[in-house]
C-alpha cells in the first residue's frame, strides 16, 4: 500500500502490525510451553490439575491475539481506504 500511495503510511499502522506479530509469537510460545509441560507431566505421572496454569496462560494469550487481530484488520482497512483513489 505504501508503494501504491508513493508515501509512507501512518505510524499507528506499523505499530498495530508489529503488535500483532508480537502477540502471535507469544501464543506460539505459550502453546509450546503447554505441550512440553504436558509431555513431562505425562512421563512423571503427575496429577492433571497442574495443567490448568498452562491452559489459562494460553487462553489469555489467545484472547490478546484476538484483540490485536481485530486492531490489525481495522488499521489495514483504514490503510486501504487511504490508498484507494478518490
N, C-alpha and C. Protein backbone atom coordinates (compact mmCIF):
# COMPACT_ATOMS: atom_id res chain seq x y z
N UNK A 1 0.83 -1.19 0.00
CA UNK A 1 0.00 0.00 0.00
C UNK A 1 0.87 1.25 0.00
N UNK A 2 2.03 1.16 0.68
CA UNK A 2 2.92 2.32 0.66
C UNK A 2 3.44 2.60 -0.75
N UNK A 3 3.70 1.53 -1.50
CA UNK A 3 4.17 1.72 -2.87
C UNK A 3 3.05 2.30 -3.74
N UNK A 4 1.83 1.87 -3.52
CA UNK A 4 0.72 2.41 -4.31
C UNK A 4 0.49 3.89 -4.01
N UNK A 5 0.68 4.27 -2.76
CA UNK A 5 0.47 5.66 -2.37
C UNK A 5 1.67 6.54 -2.67
N UNK A 6 2.82 5.91 -2.84
CA UNK A 6 4.09 6.63 -3.03
C UNK A 6 4.43 7.50 -1.81
N UNK A 7 3.95 7.08 -0.67
CA UNK A 7 4.27 7.77 0.59
C UNK A 7 4.06 6.79 1.73
N UNK A 8 4.75 7.00 2.85
CA UNK A 8 4.60 6.08 3.97
C UNK A 8 3.22 6.19 4.62
N UNK A 9 2.79 5.09 5.20
CA UNK A 9 1.52 5.08 5.93
C UNK A 9 1.73 5.64 7.32
N UNK A 10 0.65 5.88 8.00
CA UNK A 10 0.71 6.42 9.36
C UNK A 10 1.46 5.45 10.28
N UNK A 11 2.15 5.97 11.26
CA UNK A 11 2.95 5.16 12.18
C UNK A 11 2.10 4.18 12.98
N UNK A 12 0.86 4.53 13.26
CA UNK A 12 -0.01 3.63 14.03
C UNK A 12 -0.28 2.33 13.29
N UNK A 13 -0.25 2.36 11.98
CA UNK A 13 -0.48 1.15 11.19
C UNK A 13 0.66 0.18 11.40
N UNK A 14 1.87 0.67 11.31
CA UNK A 14 3.04 -0.18 11.56
C UNK A 14 3.07 -0.70 12.99
N UNK A 15 2.69 0.15 13.92
CA UNK A 15 2.67 -0.25 15.33
C UNK A 15 1.67 -1.38 15.56
N UNK A 16 0.50 -1.27 14.97
CA UNK A 16 -0.53 -2.30 15.14
C UNK A 16 -0.08 -3.62 14.53
N UNK A 17 0.57 -3.57 13.38
CA UNK A 17 1.04 -4.80 12.75
C UNK A 17 2.19 -5.42 13.54
N UNK A 18 3.07 -4.59 14.09
CA UNK A 18 4.16 -5.11 14.92
C UNK A 18 3.61 -5.77 16.19
N UNK A 19 2.61 -5.14 16.80
CA UNK A 19 1.99 -5.70 18.00
C UNK A 19 1.32 -7.03 17.67
N UNK A 20 0.67 -7.11 16.52
CA UNK A 20 0.01 -8.35 16.11
C UNK A 20 1.03 -9.47 15.97
N UNK A 21 2.15 -9.19 15.34
CA UNK A 21 3.20 -10.19 15.17
C UNK A 21 3.78 -10.61 16.52
N UNK A 22 3.96 -9.65 17.41
CA UNK A 22 4.48 -9.94 18.75
C UNK A 22 3.54 -10.88 19.51
N UNK A 23 2.25 -10.60 19.43
CA UNK A 23 1.26 -11.42 20.14
C UNK A 23 1.20 -12.82 19.55
N UNK A 24 1.38 -12.94 18.24
CA UNK A 24 1.42 -14.27 17.61
C UNK A 24 2.58 -15.08 18.17
N UNK A 25 3.73 -14.44 18.33
CA UNK A 25 4.88 -15.14 18.90
C UNK A 25 4.64 -15.57 20.35
N UNK A 26 3.91 -14.75 21.09
CA UNK A 26 3.58 -15.10 22.48
C UNK A 26 2.67 -16.33 22.51
N UNK A 27 1.67 -16.38 21.62
CA UNK A 27 0.78 -17.54 21.56
C UNK A 27 1.56 -18.79 21.19
N UNK A 28 2.46 -18.67 20.23
CA UNK A 28 3.28 -19.83 19.86
C UNK A 28 4.12 -20.31 21.03
N UNK A 29 4.67 -19.39 21.78
CA UNK A 29 5.48 -19.74 22.94
C UNK A 29 4.65 -20.43 24.02
N UNK A 30 3.46 -19.88 24.30
CA UNK A 30 2.58 -20.49 25.32
C UNK A 30 2.15 -21.89 24.90
N UNK A 31 1.88 -22.07 23.62
CA UNK A 31 1.46 -23.39 23.13
C UNK A 31 2.61 -24.38 23.25
N UNK A 32 3.80 -23.94 22.92
CA UNK A 32 4.97 -24.80 23.04
C UNK A 32 5.21 -25.18 24.50
N UNK A 33 5.09 -24.21 25.41
CA UNK A 33 5.23 -24.49 26.85
C UNK A 33 4.20 -25.51 27.31
N UNK A 34 2.97 -25.35 26.85
CA UNK A 34 1.90 -26.27 27.23
C UNK A 34 2.22 -27.70 26.78
N UNK A 35 2.69 -27.83 25.55
CA UNK A 35 3.00 -29.16 25.02
C UNK A 35 4.15 -29.79 25.79
N UNK A 36 5.21 -29.02 26.03
CA UNK A 36 6.38 -29.55 26.74
C UNK A 36 6.01 -29.95 28.16
N UNK A 37 5.28 -29.09 28.86
CA UNK A 37 4.91 -29.39 30.24
C UNK A 37 3.95 -30.57 30.32
N UNK A 38 3.04 -30.68 29.37
CA UNK A 38 2.10 -31.80 29.38
C UNK A 38 2.83 -33.12 29.14
N UNK A 39 3.79 -33.12 28.23
CA UNK A 39 4.52 -34.36 27.99
C UNK A 39 5.41 -34.73 29.17
N UNK A 40 5.98 -33.73 29.84
CA UNK A 40 6.80 -34.01 31.03
C UNK A 40 5.94 -34.56 32.17
N UNK A 41 4.77 -33.99 32.36
CA UNK A 41 3.89 -34.48 33.43
C UNK A 41 3.38 -35.88 33.14
N UNK A 42 3.13 -36.15 31.86
CA UNK A 42 2.64 -37.47 31.49
C UNK A 42 3.69 -38.53 31.78
N UNK A 43 4.94 -38.22 31.55
CA UNK A 43 6.02 -39.15 31.84
C UNK A 43 6.16 -39.40 33.32
N UNK A 44 5.96 -38.33 34.12
CA UNK A 44 6.14 -38.44 35.56
C UNK A 44 4.90 -38.93 36.29
N UNK A 45 3.78 -38.96 35.62
CA UNK A 45 2.53 -39.41 36.23
C UNK A 45 1.97 -38.39 37.20
N UNK A 46 2.25 -37.11 36.99
CA UNK A 46 1.76 -36.04 37.87
C UNK A 46 0.27 -35.84 37.68
N UNK A 47 -0.40 -35.28 38.70
CA UNK A 47 -1.84 -35.02 38.58
C UNK A 47 -2.13 -33.98 37.49
N UNK A 48 -3.29 -34.10 36.91
CA UNK A 48 -3.66 -33.26 35.77
C UNK A 48 -3.99 -31.82 36.17
N UNK A 49 -4.32 -31.55 37.39
CA UNK A 49 -4.76 -30.21 37.79
C UNK A 49 -3.70 -29.14 37.57
N UNK A 50 -2.44 -29.52 37.47
CA UNK A 50 -1.39 -28.54 37.23
C UNK A 50 -1.39 -28.05 35.78
N UNK A 51 -2.05 -28.79 34.91
CA UNK A 51 -2.13 -28.38 33.51
C UNK A 51 -2.93 -27.09 33.35
N UNK A 52 -3.76 -26.76 34.33
CA UNK A 52 -4.63 -25.60 34.23
C UNK A 52 -3.85 -24.30 34.04
N UNK A 53 -2.71 -24.16 34.69
CA UNK A 53 -1.94 -22.92 34.56
C UNK A 53 -1.48 -22.70 33.12
N UNK A 54 -1.03 -23.76 32.48
CA UNK A 54 -0.61 -23.65 31.09
C UNK A 54 -1.78 -23.31 30.18
N UNK A 55 -2.91 -23.93 30.43
CA UNK A 55 -4.09 -23.69 29.61
C UNK A 55 -4.60 -22.27 29.81
N UNK A 56 -4.59 -21.78 31.04
CA UNK A 56 -5.03 -20.41 31.30
C UNK A 56 -4.09 -19.40 30.65
N UNK A 57 -2.79 -19.65 30.70
CA UNK A 57 -1.83 -18.75 30.06
C UNK A 57 -2.04 -18.73 28.55
N UNK A 58 -2.30 -19.89 27.98
CA UNK A 58 -2.57 -19.98 26.54
C UNK A 58 -3.87 -19.27 26.19
N UNK A 59 -4.90 -19.45 27.01
CA UNK A 59 -6.18 -18.80 26.75
C UNK A 59 -6.05 -17.28 26.82
N UNK A 60 -5.29 -16.78 27.77
CA UNK A 60 -5.06 -15.34 27.88
C UNK A 60 -4.31 -14.82 26.66
N UNK A 61 -3.31 -15.56 26.21
CA UNK A 61 -2.55 -15.15 25.03
C UNK A 61 -3.43 -15.15 23.78
N UNK A 62 -4.31 -16.13 23.68
CA UNK A 62 -5.22 -16.18 22.52
C UNK A 62 -6.21 -15.01 22.56
N UNK A 63 -6.66 -14.66 23.75
CA UNK A 63 -7.56 -13.51 23.87
C UNK A 63 -6.85 -12.23 23.43
N UNK A 64 -5.59 -12.06 23.86
CA UNK A 64 -4.82 -10.89 23.44
C UNK A 64 -4.59 -10.90 21.93
N UNK A 65 -4.39 -12.08 21.37
CA UNK A 65 -4.19 -12.18 19.93
C UNK A 65 -5.47 -11.81 19.18
N UNK A 66 -6.60 -12.18 19.73
CA UNK A 66 -7.88 -11.83 19.12
C UNK A 66 -8.06 -10.32 19.06
N UNK A 67 -7.74 -9.64 20.15
CA UNK A 67 -7.85 -8.18 20.19
C UNK A 67 -6.88 -7.55 19.20
N UNK A 68 -5.64 -8.05 19.20
CA UNK A 68 -4.63 -7.50 18.28
C UNK A 68 -5.00 -7.75 16.83
N UNK A 69 -5.62 -8.89 16.55
CA UNK A 69 -6.05 -9.20 15.19
C UNK A 69 -7.13 -8.24 14.73
N UNK A 70 -8.08 -7.96 15.60
CA UNK A 70 -9.14 -7.01 15.24
C UNK A 70 -8.56 -5.63 14.96
N UNK A 71 -7.61 -5.21 15.79
CA UNK A 71 -6.98 -3.90 15.57
C UNK A 71 -6.19 -3.88 14.28
N UNK A 72 -5.47 -4.95 14.00
CA UNK A 72 -4.68 -5.02 12.77
C UNK A 72 -5.60 -4.99 11.54
N UNK A 73 -6.70 -5.71 11.60
CA UNK A 73 -7.64 -5.71 10.47
C UNK A 73 -8.22 -4.32 10.26
N UNK A 74 -8.54 -3.64 11.34
CA UNK A 74 -9.10 -2.30 11.23
C UNK A 74 -8.07 -1.33 10.65
N UNK A 75 -6.84 -1.41 11.12
CA UNK A 75 -5.82 -0.50 10.60
C UNK A 75 -5.50 -0.79 9.14
N UNK A 76 -5.52 -2.06 8.76
CA UNK A 76 -5.29 -2.38 7.35
C UNK A 76 -6.44 -1.88 6.47
N UNK A 77 -7.65 -1.95 6.99
CA UNK A 77 -8.80 -1.42 6.25
C UNK A 77 -8.65 0.10 6.07
N UNK A 78 -8.23 0.78 7.13
CA UNK A 78 -8.01 2.22 7.04
C UNK A 78 -6.91 2.55 6.03
N UNK A 79 -5.84 1.75 6.05
CA UNK A 79 -4.74 1.98 5.11
C UNK A 79 -5.23 1.77 3.67
N UNK A 80 -6.07 0.78 3.48
CA UNK A 80 -6.63 0.53 2.16
C UNK A 80 -7.48 1.70 1.71
N UNK A 81 -8.31 2.23 2.61
CA UNK A 81 -9.17 3.36 2.27
C UNK A 81 -8.35 4.58 1.90
N UNK A 82 -7.20 4.76 2.57
CA UNK A 82 -6.34 5.90 2.25
C UNK A 82 -5.60 5.68 0.93
N UNK A 83 -5.44 4.42 0.55
CA UNK A 83 -4.69 4.09 -0.67
C UNK A 83 -5.55 4.17 -1.91
N UNK A 84 -6.82 3.83 -1.79
CA UNK A 84 -7.71 3.81 -2.96
C UNK A 84 -7.87 5.22 -3.53
N UNK A 85 -7.98 5.30 -4.85
CA UNK A 85 -8.19 6.62 -5.45
C UNK A 85 -9.58 7.15 -5.07
N UNK A 86 -9.68 8.46 -5.03
CA UNK A 86 -10.96 9.08 -4.62
C UNK A 86 -11.90 9.25 -5.77
